[in-house]
Amino acid sequence: MKTLGIEIKANVTVFFAIEEKDGAMTDITGDMKKLELGDDESTEEVHEFMNIVHSYFKNMQFDKIGILTRNKSVKAKFRVSPISFKLEGFIQIYPDQKIDFITPQSLRAFIKKNELPFTPKFGYQVSAAELAYYLSKKS
């Protein structure tokens, strides 16, 4: 089974993909570790971002794809970048795969009971890696 965890931070989308085969998990993320949308008002950049992400999904043929939800609170201290919602939409409209949304609370509860059996190469990928693991274990 191939699963992909995605975390969106402002204008950056972080990816971590794993393949579970015979009980062993392998990082299959490849070069698509993170992708930044430079100018969200540029039609060309928006289309390029979406095409890169959708091509990655199509080439990898994931069984499950999930996005870690963000705090939608309107409190100024915790306000989420509006660009992140655009990125989420570009990912969500991928026509060939259902995209699941997982709350940070659900992920934290799962990780408390199920230690991550691998270490992501980059620290910024930890949440996406945990999400990929979560998806691989949930039906």
Protein backbone atom coordinates (compact mmCIF):
# COMPACT_ATOMS: atom_id res chain seq x y z
CA MET A 1 0.00 0.00 0.00
CA LYS A 2 1.24 3.48 -0.89
CA THR A 3 0.21 6.40 1.29
CA LEU A 4 1.00 10.09 1.10
CA GLY A 5 0.87 12.53 4.00
CA ILE A 6 0.67 16.24 3.22
CA GLU A 7 1.16 19.19 5.53
CA ILE A 8 0.53 22.73 4.29
CA LYS A 9 2.38 25.60 5.94
CA ALA A 10 1.60 29.05 4.48
CA ASN A 11 2.64 28.74 0.81
CA VAL A 12 4.66 25.52 1.21
CA THR A 13 3.30 22.01 0.82
CA VAL A 14 5.30 19.26 2.53
CA PHE A 15 5.03 15.67 1.29
CA PHE A 16 5.99 12.31 2.77
CA ALA A 17 5.16 9.05 1.02
CA ILE A 18 5.58 5.51 2.24
CA GLU A 19 5.01 2.11 0.78
CA GLU A 20 4.19 -0.77 3.07
CA LYS A 21 5.06 -4.16 1.71
CA ASP A 22 5.23 -7.35 3.77
CA GLY A 23 5.19 -5.33 7.00
CA ALA A 24 8.18 -3.18 6.01
CA MET A 25 7.80 0.54 5.34
CA THR A 26 9.90 2.37 2.80
CA ASP A 27 10.16 6.10 2.16
CA ILE A 28 9.15 6.55 -1.50
CA THR A 29 8.78 10.33 -1.42
CA GLY A 30 11.47 10.85 -4.03
CA ASP A 31 12.27 14.42 -5.04
CA MET A 32 8.84 15.74 -4.09
CA LYS A 33 9.67 16.62 -0.48
CA LYS A 34 8.16 20.08 -0.52
CA LEU A 35 6.75 22.47 -3.06
CA GLU A 36 6.37 26.22 -2.70
CA LEU A 37 3.89 28.42 -4.50
CA GLY A 38 5.76 31.68 -5.07
CA ASP A 39 3.07 34.05 -6.36
CA ASP A 40 -0.47 32.90 -5.69
CA GLU A 41 -1.81 35.64 -7.98
CA SER A 42 0.16 34.39 -10.98
CA THR A 43 -2.03 32.14 -13.12
CA GLU A 44 1.06 30.49 -14.59
CA GLU A 45 2.55 29.68 -11.17
CA VAL A 46 -0.78 28.39 -9.86
CA HIS A 47 -1.22 26.10 -12.87
CA GLU A 48 2.37 24.92 -12.61
CA PHE A 49 1.94 24.10 -8.91
CA MET A 50 -1.28 22.18 -9.55
CA ASN A 51 0.17 20.31 -12.54
CA ILE A 52 3.28 19.28 -10.60
CA VAL A 53 1.22 17.99 -7.67
CA HIS A 54 -1.33 16.16 -9.83
CA SER A 55 1.44 14.60 -11.98
CA TYR A 56 3.14 13.37 -8.82
CA PHE A 57 -0.10 11.78 -7.62
CA LYS A 58 -0.70 10.17 -11.01
CA ASN A 59 2.86 8.82 -11.36
CA MET A 60 2.98 7.41 -7.83
CA GLN A 61 -0.55 5.93 -7.87
CA PHE A 62 -1.17 6.29 -4.14
CA ASP A 63 -3.75 4.16 -2.39
CA LYS A 64 -4.42 6.91 0.17
CA ILE A 65 -3.65 10.61 0.29
CA GLY A 66 -4.27 12.76 3.33
CA ILE A 67 -3.89 16.38 4.31
CA LEU A 68 -3.29 17.48 7.88
CA THR A 69 -5.98 20.06 8.61
CA ARG A 70 -5.01 23.49 9.82
CA ASN A 71 -6.47 25.66 12.55
CA LYS A 72 -9.20 27.70 10.89
CA SER A 73 -9.52 29.94 13.94
CA VAL A 74 -10.04 33.60 13.25
CA LYS A 75 -7.98 34.61 16.27
CA ALA A 76 -5.13 36.75 14.98
CA LYS A 77 -2.46 34.88 16.91
CA PHE A 78 -3.37 31.57 15.27
CA ARG A 79 -4.55 32.79 11.87
CA VAL A 80 -3.73 30.48 8.98
CA SER A 81 -2.35 31.85 5.73
CA PRO A 82 -5.12 32.27 3.15
CA ILE A 83 -2.74 30.87 0.53
CA SER A 84 -2.75 27.55 2.37
CA PHE A 85 -6.47 27.18 1.62
CA LYS A 86 -5.77 27.70 -2.07
CA LEU A 87 -3.11 25.00 -1.98
CA GLU A 88 -5.50 22.66 -0.21
CA GLY A 89 -8.09 23.27 -2.92
CA PHE A 90 -5.61 22.57 -5.72
CA ILE A 91 -4.77 19.26 -4.08
CA GLN A 92 -8.37 18.37 -3.25
CA ILE A 93 -9.60 18.73 -6.84
CA TYR A 94 -7.35 15.91 -8.04
CA PRO A 95 -9.92 13.83 -9.95
CA ASP A 96 -8.47 10.33 -9.58
CA GLN A 97 -8.19 9.96 -5.80
CA LYS A 98 -10.20 10.84 -2.72
CA ILE A 99 -8.26 13.15 -0.43
CA ASP A 100 -8.76 12.57 3.30
CA PHE A 101 -8.53 15.32 5.90
CA ILE A 102 -7.08 14.39 9.28
CA THR A 103 -7.10 16.66 12.33
CA PRO A 104 -3.91 17.25 14.31
CA GLN A 105 -5.74 15.93 17.39
CA SER A 106 -6.51 12.59 15.71
CA LEU A 107 -2.94 12.31 14.48
CA ARG A 108 -1.44 13.11 17.91
CA ALA A 109 -3.68 10.53 19.62
CA PHE A 110 -2.63 7.90 17.07
CA ILE A 111 1.10 8.69 17.38
CA LYS A 112 0.90 8.51 21.20
CA LYS A 113 -0.20 4.88 20.84
CA ASN A 114 1.77 3.97 17.70
CA GLU A 115 5.40 5.06 17.58
CA LEU A 116 6.66 6.09 14.15
CA PRO A 117 8.71 3.07 12.92
CA PHE A 118 11.02 5.22 10.78
CA THR A 119 12.69 8.62 10.90
CA PRO A 120 12.09 11.15 8.14
CA LYS A 121 15.27 12.43 6.51
CA PHE A 122 14.27 16.06 7.10
CA GLY A 123 12.79 17.53 10.27
CA TYR A 124 10.22 19.57 8.37
CA GLN A 125 8.67 16.29 7.13
CA VAL A 126 7.81 14.84 10.55
CA SER A 127 4.09 15.72 10.55
CA ALA A 128 3.65 14.58 6.94
CA ALA A 129 5.49 11.33 7.75
CA GLU A 130 3.29 10.72 10.78
CA LEU A 131 0.24 11.34 8.63
CA ALA A 132 1.42 8.88 5.96
CA TYR A 133 1.94 6.28 8.70
CA TYR A 134 -1.49 7.04 10.17
CA LEU A 135 -3.11 6.57 6.76
CA SER A 136 -1.30 3.27 6.23
CA LYS A 137 -2.75 1.90 9.48
CA LYS A 138 -6.31 3.24 9.23
CA SER A 139 -8.85 1.50 7.03
